[in-house]
Protein backbone atom coordinates (compact mmCIF):
# COMPACT_ATOMS: atom_id res chain seq x y z
CA MET A 1 0.00 -0.02 -0.01
CA LEU A 2 1.45 3.36 -1.03
CA THR A 3 1.86 5.84 1.77
CA ALA A 4 1.49 9.60 1.30
CA GLN A 5 5.25 9.97 1.77
CA GLN A 6 5.99 7.33 -0.85
CA LYS A 7 3.67 9.07 -3.33
CA SER A 8 5.55 12.29 -2.72
CA ILE A 9 8.90 10.55 -3.34
CA VAL A 10 7.63 9.04 -6.59
CA THR A 11 6.23 12.39 -7.74
CA ALA A 12 9.57 14.05 -6.92
CA THR A 13 11.33 11.76 -9.33
CA VAL A 14 9.29 13.07 -12.29
CA PRO A 15 11.95 15.61 -13.34
CA LEU A 16 14.55 12.86 -13.41
CA LEU A 17 12.29 10.72 -15.60
CA GLU A 18 11.65 13.63 -17.92
CA SER A 19 15.36 14.21 -18.45
CA GLY A 20 16.66 10.65 -18.38
CA GLY A 21 13.76 8.22 -18.48
CA GLU A 22 14.75 6.74 -21.81
CA ALA A 23 18.27 5.96 -20.65
CA LEU A 24 16.78 4.26 -17.58
CA THR A 25 14.32 2.15 -19.55
CA THR A 26 16.96 1.19 -22.15
CA HIS A 27 19.14 -0.10 -19.32
CA PHE A 28 16.11 -1.84 -17.82
CA TYR A 29 15.42 -3.71 -21.04
CA ARG A 30 19.07 -4.70 -21.35
CA ILE A 31 18.95 -6.29 -17.88
CA LEU A 32 15.57 -7.91 -18.42
CA LEU A 33 16.22 -9.45 -21.84
CA ASP A 34 19.85 -10.48 -21.16
CA GLU A 35 19.19 -12.16 -17.84
CA HIS A 36 15.61 -13.44 -18.27
CA PRO A 37 15.25 -15.25 -21.60
CA GLU A 38 11.87 -16.58 -20.48
CA VAL A 39 10.27 -13.17 -21.09
CA ARG A 40 11.91 -12.45 -24.47
CA PRO A 41 8.97 -13.83 -26.50
CA LEU A 42 6.81 -11.01 -25.05
CA PHE A 43 8.99 -8.31 -26.67
CA ASN A 44 9.58 -7.37 -30.29
CA GLN A 45 13.35 -7.05 -30.69
CA ALA A 46 12.89 -4.62 -33.63
CA HIS A 47 11.13 -2.19 -31.28
CA GLN A 48 14.10 -2.48 -28.89
CA ALA A 49 16.59 -1.74 -31.65
CA SER A 50 14.63 1.27 -32.91
CA GLY A 51 14.22 2.69 -29.37
CA ASP A 52 10.40 2.70 -29.67
CA GLN A 53 9.88 0.28 -26.78
CA PRO A 54 12.18 2.16 -24.31
CA ARG A 55 10.58 5.49 -25.26
CA ALA A 56 7.11 4.06 -24.83
CA LEU A 57 7.93 2.64 -21.43
CA ALA A 58 9.60 5.87 -20.34
CA ASN A 59 6.43 7.75 -21.32
CA GLY A 60 4.25 5.27 -19.48
CA VAL A 61 6.36 5.40 -16.33
CA LEU A 62 6.40 9.22 -16.47
CA MET A 63 2.63 9.38 -16.86
CA TYR A 64 2.14 6.97 -13.99
CA ALA A 65 4.45 8.98 -11.71
CA LYS A 66 2.76 12.25 -12.65
CA HIS A 67 -0.73 10.93 -11.91
CA ILE A 68 -0.02 8.60 -8.99
CA ASP A 69 -2.63 10.46 -6.91
CA ARG A 70 -5.21 10.37 -9.74
CA LEU A 71 -4.79 7.21 -11.70
CA GLU A 72 -8.05 7.83 -13.53
CA ALA A 73 -6.24 10.70 -15.26
CA LEU A 74 -4.17 8.15 -17.18
CA GLY A 75 -7.11 7.86 -19.51
CA PRO A 76 -6.86 5.11 -22.15
CA LEU A 77 -3.16 4.34 -21.41
CA ALA A 78 -3.90 1.63 -18.86
CA GLY A 79 -6.47 -0.02 -21.16
CA GLN A 80 -4.00 -0.03 -24.05
CA ILE A 81 -1.41 -1.75 -21.88
CA VAL A 82 -3.89 -4.35 -20.67
CA ASN A 83 -5.03 -5.14 -24.22
CA LYS A 84 -1.43 -5.57 -25.46
CA HIS A 85 -0.64 -7.80 -22.50
CA VAL A 86 -3.73 -9.95 -23.04
CA ALA A 87 -2.95 -10.40 -26.73
CA LEU A 88 0.55 -11.62 -25.84
CA GLN A 89 -0.58 -13.61 -22.76
CA VAL A 90 1.38 -11.76 -20.11
CA GLN A 91 0.90 -13.65 -16.82
CA PRO A 92 1.08 -12.64 -13.12
CA GLU A 93 4.43 -14.45 -12.68
CA HIS A 94 6.04 -12.09 -15.17
CA TYR A 95 5.46 -9.00 -13.01
CA PRO A 96 7.97 -9.77 -10.18
CA ILE A 97 10.69 -10.32 -12.80
CA VAL A 98 9.96 -7.00 -14.48
CA GLY A 99 9.68 -5.18 -11.11
CA ALA A 100 13.04 -6.46 -9.90
CA CYS A 101 14.79 -5.40 -13.11
CA LEU A 102 13.15 -1.97 -13.07
CA LEU A 103 14.23 -1.27 -9.47
CA ARG A 104 17.72 -2.41 -10.23
CA ALA A 105 17.84 -0.15 -13.30
CA ILE A 106 16.68 2.84 -11.25
CA ARG A 107 19.45 2.19 -8.72
CA GLU A 108 22.17 1.67 -11.33
CA VAL A 109 21.24 4.57 -13.63
CA LEU A 110 20.45 7.21 -10.98
CA GLY A 111 23.15 6.08 -8.56
CA ALA A 112 22.97 5.29 -4.86
CA GLU A 113 23.06 8.94 -3.81
CA VAL A 114 19.83 9.67 -5.68
CA ALA A 115 18.22 6.26 -5.68
CA THR A 116 18.40 5.81 -1.94
CA ASP A 117 16.81 2.95 -0.07
CA GLU A 118 13.85 5.20 0.62
CA VAL A 119 13.41 6.01 -3.06
CA ILE A 120 13.71 2.35 -4.09
CA ALA A 121 11.17 1.37 -1.42
CA ALA A 122 8.75 4.03 -2.68
CA TRP A 123 9.12 2.85 -6.27
CA ALA A 124 8.72 -0.77 -5.20
CA ALA A 125 5.40 0.13 -3.56
CA ALA A 126 4.36 2.14 -6.64
CA TYR A 127 5.24 -0.67 -8.97
CA GLY A 128 3.34 -3.12 -6.77
CA GLN A 129 0.25 -0.93 -6.98
CA LEU A 130 0.47 -0.75 -10.75
CA ALA A 131 1.15 -4.47 -11.12
CA ASP A 132 -1.87 -5.35 -8.95
CA MET A 133 -4.06 -3.05 -11.06
CA LEU A 134 -2.88 -4.58 -14.36
CA ILE A 135 -2.98 -8.18 -13.11
CA GLY A 136 -6.55 -7.70 -11.93
CA ALA A 137 -7.69 -6.16 -15.25
CA GLU A 138 -5.91 -8.84 -17.23
CA ARG A 139 -7.43 -11.62 -15.15
CA GLN A 140 -10.89 -10.24 -15.88
CA ALA A 141 -10.12 -10.16 -19.60
CA TYR A 142 -8.81 -13.73 -19.62
CA ASP A 143 -11.93 -14.87 -17.71
CA ARG A 144 -14.21 -13.07 -20.15
CA ASN A 145 -12.46 -14.59 -23.15
CA ALA A 146 -12.68 -18.10 -21.71
CA ALA A 147 -16.36 -17.76 -20.79
CA ALA A 148 -17.60 -16.16 -24.00
CA PRO A 149 -19.12 -18.32 -26.81
CA GLY A 150 -16.27 -19.65 -28.94
CA GLY A 151 -13.75 -18.33 -26.43
CA TRP A 152 -10.68 -19.95 -24.88
CA ARG A 153 -7.88 -19.36 -22.45
CA GLY A 154 -4.19 -19.27 -23.47
CA GLY A 155 -3.07 -20.57 -26.82
CA ARG A 156 -5.35 -22.50 -29.22
CA ALA A 157 -4.24 -24.47 -32.25
CA PHE A 158 -5.37 -23.07 -35.61
CA GLU A 159 -4.69 -24.42 -39.09
CA VAL A 160 -3.99 -22.22 -42.08
CA LEU A 161 -6.84 -22.81 -44.56
CA ARG A 162 -5.41 -20.67 -47.33
CA ARG A 163 -3.21 -17.66 -48.03
CA GLU A 164 -3.79 -14.91 -50.60
CA VAL A 165 -1.35 -12.38 -52.01
CA GLU A 166 -2.93 -8.94 -51.65
CA SER A 167 -0.05 -6.78 -52.95
CA GLU A 168 3.67 -6.87 -53.60
CA GLU A 169 4.22 -6.78 -49.81
CA ILE A 170 1.04 -8.02 -48.07
CA THR A 171 -0.31 -11.59 -47.84
CA SER A 172 -3.46 -12.66 -46.03
CA PHE A 173 -3.67 -15.83 -43.92
CA TYR A 174 -6.99 -17.51 -43.10
CA PHE A 175 -7.11 -19.59 -39.92
CA ALA A 176 -9.63 -22.15 -38.59
CA PRO A 177 -9.42 -23.91 -35.21
CA VAL A 178 -8.03 -27.42 -35.29
CA ASP A 179 -10.76 -28.57 -32.86
CA GLY A 180 -13.50 -27.54 -35.33
CA GLN A 181 -15.37 -25.55 -32.69
CA PRO A 182 -16.68 -21.95 -33.09
CA VAL A 183 -14.31 -19.04 -32.52
CA LEU A 184 -14.72 -15.95 -30.32
CA ASP A 185 -16.42 -12.99 -31.91
CA PHE A 186 -14.47 -9.74 -32.00
CA GLN A 187 -15.03 -6.05 -32.47
CA PRO A 188 -13.96 -4.48 -35.79
CA GLY A 189 -10.51 -2.95 -35.25
CA GLN A 190 -9.24 -5.53 -32.79
CA TYR A 191 -6.10 -7.67 -33.25
CA ILE A 192 -5.11 -11.19 -32.38
CA GLY A 193 -1.96 -12.66 -30.84
CA ILE A 194 0.01 -15.35 -32.63
CA ARG A 195 2.73 -17.62 -31.32
CA LEU A 196 5.37 -18.85 -33.83
CA THR A 197 8.44 -20.99 -33.45
CA VAL A 198 11.30 -19.50 -35.48
CA ASP A 199 14.68 -21.21 -35.37
CA GLY A 200 13.63 -22.90 -32.17
CA GLN A 201 12.66 -19.63 -30.50
CA ASP A 202 9.19 -18.68 -29.25
CA ILE A 203 8.03 -15.49 -31.04
CA ARG A 204 4.81 -13.64 -30.29
CA ARG A 205 3.21 -10.87 -32.35
CA ASN A 206 -0.08 -9.04 -32.66
CA TYR A 207 -1.79 -8.65 -36.05
CA SER A 208 -5.02 -6.81 -36.84
CA LEU A 209 -7.99 -8.89 -37.83
CA SER A 210 -8.64 -7.81 -41.40
CA ALA A 211 -12.03 -9.42 -42.14
CA ALA A 212 -15.45 -9.16 -40.52
CA PRO A 213 -16.15 -11.69 -37.75
CA ASN A 214 -17.97 -14.87 -38.84
CA GLY A 215 -17.67 -17.14 -35.84
CA LYS A 216 -15.65 -19.75 -37.80
CA THR A 217 -12.40 -18.28 -39.04
CA TYR A 218 -9.96 -15.43 -38.58
CA ARG A 219 -7.99 -13.50 -41.19
CA ILE A 220 -4.81 -11.49 -40.73
CA SER A 221 -3.00 -9.61 -43.50
CA VAL A 222 0.74 -9.31 -42.94
CA LYS A 223 3.24 -7.00 -44.58
CA ARG A 224 6.70 -8.47 -45.13
CA GLU A 225 8.89 -6.14 -43.14
CA GLN A 226 12.54 -5.82 -44.12
CA GLY A 227 14.43 -7.95 -41.56
CA GLY A 228 11.12 -8.83 -39.85
CA VAL A 229 11.53 -12.15 -38.03
CA ALA A 230 7.83 -12.93 -37.64
CA SER A 231 6.59 -11.46 -40.91
CA GLY A 232 9.38 -13.17 -42.86
CA HIS A 233 8.57 -16.49 -41.25
CA LEU A 234 4.88 -16.15 -42.07
CA HIS A 235 5.55 -15.22 -45.68
CA ASP A 236 8.18 -17.92 -46.27
CA HIS A 237 7.19 -20.88 -44.08
CA VAL A 238 3.48 -20.69 -43.15
CA HIS A 239 1.29 -22.33 -45.81
CA PRO A 240 -2.07 -24.13 -46.04
CA GLY A 241 -1.96 -26.96 -43.54
CA SER A 242 0.48 -25.19 -41.20
CA VAL A 243 -0.63 -25.07 -37.55
CA VAL A 244 0.03 -22.11 -35.26
CA GLU A 245 -1.20 -21.00 -31.83
CA LEU A 246 -3.52 -18.00 -31.64
CA PHE A 247 -4.54 -16.05 -28.54
CA PRO A 248 -8.01 -14.50 -28.18
CA PRO A 249 -8.76 -11.13 -29.85
CA ALA A 250 -7.99 -7.97 -27.93
CA GLY A 251 -7.71 -4.20 -28.50
CA ALA A 252 -9.53 -1.00 -27.73
CA PHE A 253 -9.24 0.62 -31.16
CA THR A 254 -12.74 -0.42 -32.18
CA LEU A 255 -15.56 1.05 -34.23
CA GLU A 256 -17.95 2.91 -31.91
CA PRO A 257 -21.69 3.08 -32.67
CA SER A 258 -22.58 6.49 -34.13
CA ASP A 259 -24.79 8.21 -36.67
CA ARG A 260 -22.03 10.63 -37.70
CA PRO A 261 -20.34 10.17 -41.09
CA LEU A 262 -17.41 7.74 -40.78
CA VAL A 263 -13.95 8.55 -42.20
CA LEU A 264 -11.47 5.69 -42.34
CA ILE A 265 -7.91 6.84 -43.12
CA SER A 266 -5.05 4.41 -43.56
CA GLY A 267 -1.48 4.30 -44.77
CA GLY A 268 0.19 1.11 -46.02
CA VAL A 269 -0.63 -1.96 -44.01
CA GLY A 270 -2.64 0.28 -41.65
CA ILE A 271 -5.56 -0.62 -43.95
CA THR A 272 -6.01 -3.99 -42.18
CA PRO A 273 -8.21 -3.00 -39.21
CA THR A 274 -10.18 -0.50 -41.27
CA LEU A 275 -11.41 -3.31 -43.52
CA ALA A 276 -13.35 -4.97 -40.69
CA MET A 277 -14.64 -1.52 -39.64
CA LEU A 278 -15.74 -0.84 -43.20
CA ASP A 279 -17.65 -4.11 -43.42
CA ALA A 280 -19.47 -3.35 -40.16
CA ALA A 281 -20.33 0.22 -41.13
CA LEU A 282 -21.73 -0.83 -44.47
CA GLN A 283 -24.29 -2.97 -42.74
CA THR A 284 -25.99 0.35 -41.81
CA SER A 285 -26.94 3.39 -43.86
CA ARG A 286 -24.01 5.40 -42.44
CA VAL A 287 -22.04 7.56 -44.87
CA VAL A 288 -18.47 6.27 -45.15
CA HIS A 289 -15.43 7.97 -46.69
CA PHE A 290 -12.53 5.50 -47.14
CA ILE A 291 -9.13 7.16 -47.69
CA HIS A 292 -6.07 5.02 -48.28
CA CYS A 293 -2.48 6.09 -48.96
CA ALA A 294 0.28 3.92 -50.41
CA ARG A 295 3.70 4.36 -51.96
CA HIS A 296 2.41 3.15 -55.36
CA GLN A 297 -0.23 0.87 -56.86
CA GLY A 298 1.94 -2.21 -56.53
CA VAL A 299 1.80 -2.13 -52.75
CA HIS A 300 -1.88 -1.04 -52.51
CA ALA A 301 -3.63 -4.02 -50.97
CA PHE A 302 -7.40 -4.66 -51.15
CA ARG A 303 -8.12 -2.03 -53.79
CA GLN A 304 -10.41 -4.32 -55.74
CA THR A 305 -12.19 -5.34 -52.55
CA VAL A 306 -12.97 -1.75 -51.71
CA GLU A 307 -13.99 -0.98 -55.31
CA ALA A 308 -16.46 -3.87 -55.24
CA LEU A 309 -17.96 -2.59 -51.99
CA ALA A 310 -18.27 0.91 -53.43
CA ARG A 311 -20.23 -0.41 -56.43
CA LYS A 312 -22.58 -2.24 -54.04
CA HIS A 313 -22.98 0.52 -51.42
CA PRO A 314 -23.61 4.04 -52.75
CA GLN A 315 -22.97 5.56 -49.29
CA LEU A 316 -19.29 4.55 -49.60
CA LYS A 317 -16.90 7.03 -51.23
CA ARG A 318 -13.27 5.99 -51.63
CA PHE A 319 -10.13 8.01 -52.32
CA TYR A 320 -6.60 6.81 -53.00
CA CYS A 321 -3.33 8.78 -52.69
CA TYR A 322 -0.02 7.42 -53.98
CA GLU A 323 3.37 8.90 -53.29
CA GLU A 324 4.51 8.05 -56.78
CA ALA A 325 2.73 7.27 -60.03
CA ARG A 326 3.13 4.14 -62.09
CA ASP A 327 1.85 3.37 -65.51
CA GLY A 328 -1.29 1.27 -65.47
CA ALA A 329 -5.05 1.39 -65.22
CA ASP A 330 -5.27 1.70 -61.42
CA ALA A 331 -4.59 5.42 -61.15
CA PRO A 332 -5.03 7.11 -57.74
CA HIS A 333 -7.14 10.14 -57.02
CA ALA A 334 -4.01 12.12 -56.07
CA ILE A 335 -0.21 11.88 -56.19
CA GLY A 336 1.97 12.97 -53.26
CA ARG A 337 1.49 12.91 -49.50
CA LEU A 338 -1.93 13.27 -47.81
CA ASP A 339 -2.17 16.87 -46.65
CA VAL A 340 -4.76 19.30 -45.30
CA GLN A 341 -5.93 20.31 -48.78
CA LYS A 342 -6.49 16.75 -50.00
CA LEU A 343 -8.13 15.74 -46.73
CA ALA A 344 -10.44 18.75 -46.82
CA HIS A 345 -11.54 17.79 -50.34
CA TRP A 346 -12.21 14.18 -49.34
CA LEU A 347 -14.09 14.70 -46.10
CA PRO A 348 -17.91 14.54 -46.30
CA ALA A 349 -19.06 17.84 -47.79
CA GLY A 350 -20.22 20.58 -45.49
CA THR A 351 -19.24 19.05 -42.13
CA VAL A 352 -16.30 18.26 -39.86
CA ASP A 353 -18.65 16.57 -37.38
CA VAL A 354 -17.31 13.16 -38.35
CA ASP A 355 -15.85 10.12 -36.65
CA ALA A 356 -12.32 9.64 -38.00
CA TYR A 357 -10.26 6.49 -37.44
CA PHE A 358 -6.69 6.46 -38.76
CA LEU A 359 -3.75 4.08 -38.67
CA GLY A 360 -0.40 3.79 -40.45
CA PRO A 361 3.27 4.63 -39.97
CA LYS A 362 3.94 7.10 -37.18
CA PRO A 363 4.93 10.11 -39.44
CA PHE A 364 1.77 9.51 -41.46
CA MET A 365 -0.42 9.47 -38.33
CA LYS A 366 1.18 12.62 -36.99
CA GLN A 367 0.34 14.37 -40.27
CA VAL A 368 -3.24 13.06 -40.32
CA LYS A 369 -3.85 14.05 -36.73
CA ALA A 370 -2.55 17.57 -37.32
CA ALA A 371 -4.61 17.90 -40.52
CA LEU A 372 -7.84 16.72 -38.85
CA ARG A 373 -7.30 19.20 -36.04
CA ALA A 374 -6.55 22.01 -38.54
CA LEU A 375 -9.79 21.24 -40.31
CA GLY A 376 -11.79 21.40 -37.09
CA VAL A 377 -12.49 17.72 -36.44
CA PRO A 378 -12.77 17.38 -32.62
CA ASP A 379 -9.84 15.50 -31.05
CA ALA A 380 -12.34 13.20 -29.29
CA GLN A 381 -13.64 12.13 -32.71
CA ALA A 382 -10.18 11.44 -34.17
CA ARG A 383 -9.16 7.99 -33.00
CA TYR A 384 -5.95 6.06 -33.73
CA GLU A 385 -3.77 3.17 -32.62
CA PHE A 386 -0.14 2.22 -33.08
CA PHE A 387 1.23 -0.94 -34.68
CA GLY A 388 3.93 -1.12 -32.02
CA PRO A 389 4.54 0.55 -28.65
CA ALA A 390 2.17 3.40 -27.92
CA THR A 391 3.72 6.83 -28.07
CA ALA A 392 2.44 10.37 -28.30
CA LEU A 393 1.66 11.90 -31.72
CA GLU A 394 2.05 15.48 -30.45
């Protein structure tokens, strides 16, 4: 139980976290992953190398320390963490390992003069409070998933029914459970966890569910990333008949019920969760504007799928923006980067009272968020999620 004095000590460390939090979390990950190989499957090594994971953790620790007296002010951050943990199957026994490495990193980076026994004790109590909160929320999610129709707990064996090439970079994989039983429903926009064995190593990743729920199968659509261990393995070694383990769907980036016009904006493989959202929205009379950006037509996945939907549903308007032009019949609506002018032209006419959902590479999302704000779309109606560790777009 955190005492008032311990809360004050944690709050007092905020300036240190603001100036050196990334160095601390980088050291923390080095200790954790070097000395505890049992937790390595829970972390994407590419995010470690890029610095995204240490930056995200530093931001999370900083936000927690700032709001230790008002944890409700953390907003969606705690929910995002819980969903990521559930999709990767983080368990209560992982928390003491992480806590011990974090406290050791605080001591070694800040030094004994700053990280006194009193400071370490305060942070131990603070971490314990956070761990209890997350463990409790994750337990509830695991219980819900196990109790729901078609649900399960932990990993479940799924067979690859088929795979389809969607573009020069993206391939879709269709999975059905080996036991032949129904599968858990999901909300459009959610993702699923997958466990792969690559060169004898356990690898876990999250991939957006890219087709509407049907109670029988799941589909993910994976971009081959340069040097990507999981994506490369899926593209090169996972074929019809292959069996993998899937974890139940998770994620808070979901389509909310609304009568407002819907604007779905994606860049690259960010199109994947918007496809399930699009299918759901078209079951209503809701106006939908679908905006997709790609480097060129060769890497534009699902264009024909969206075109077919537009022919069937007159409330759907679609717009494509390519960074570069290529010869061919599939010309885009614009060349270059998506900017305020293009977005203003492609939003529903006469209103900025829309629900916008956007996903793609981080620079793309920063640009989209700024453009939506400049056009007057309320921040609360501009929703987004990250492929990897959550960080701020500001």
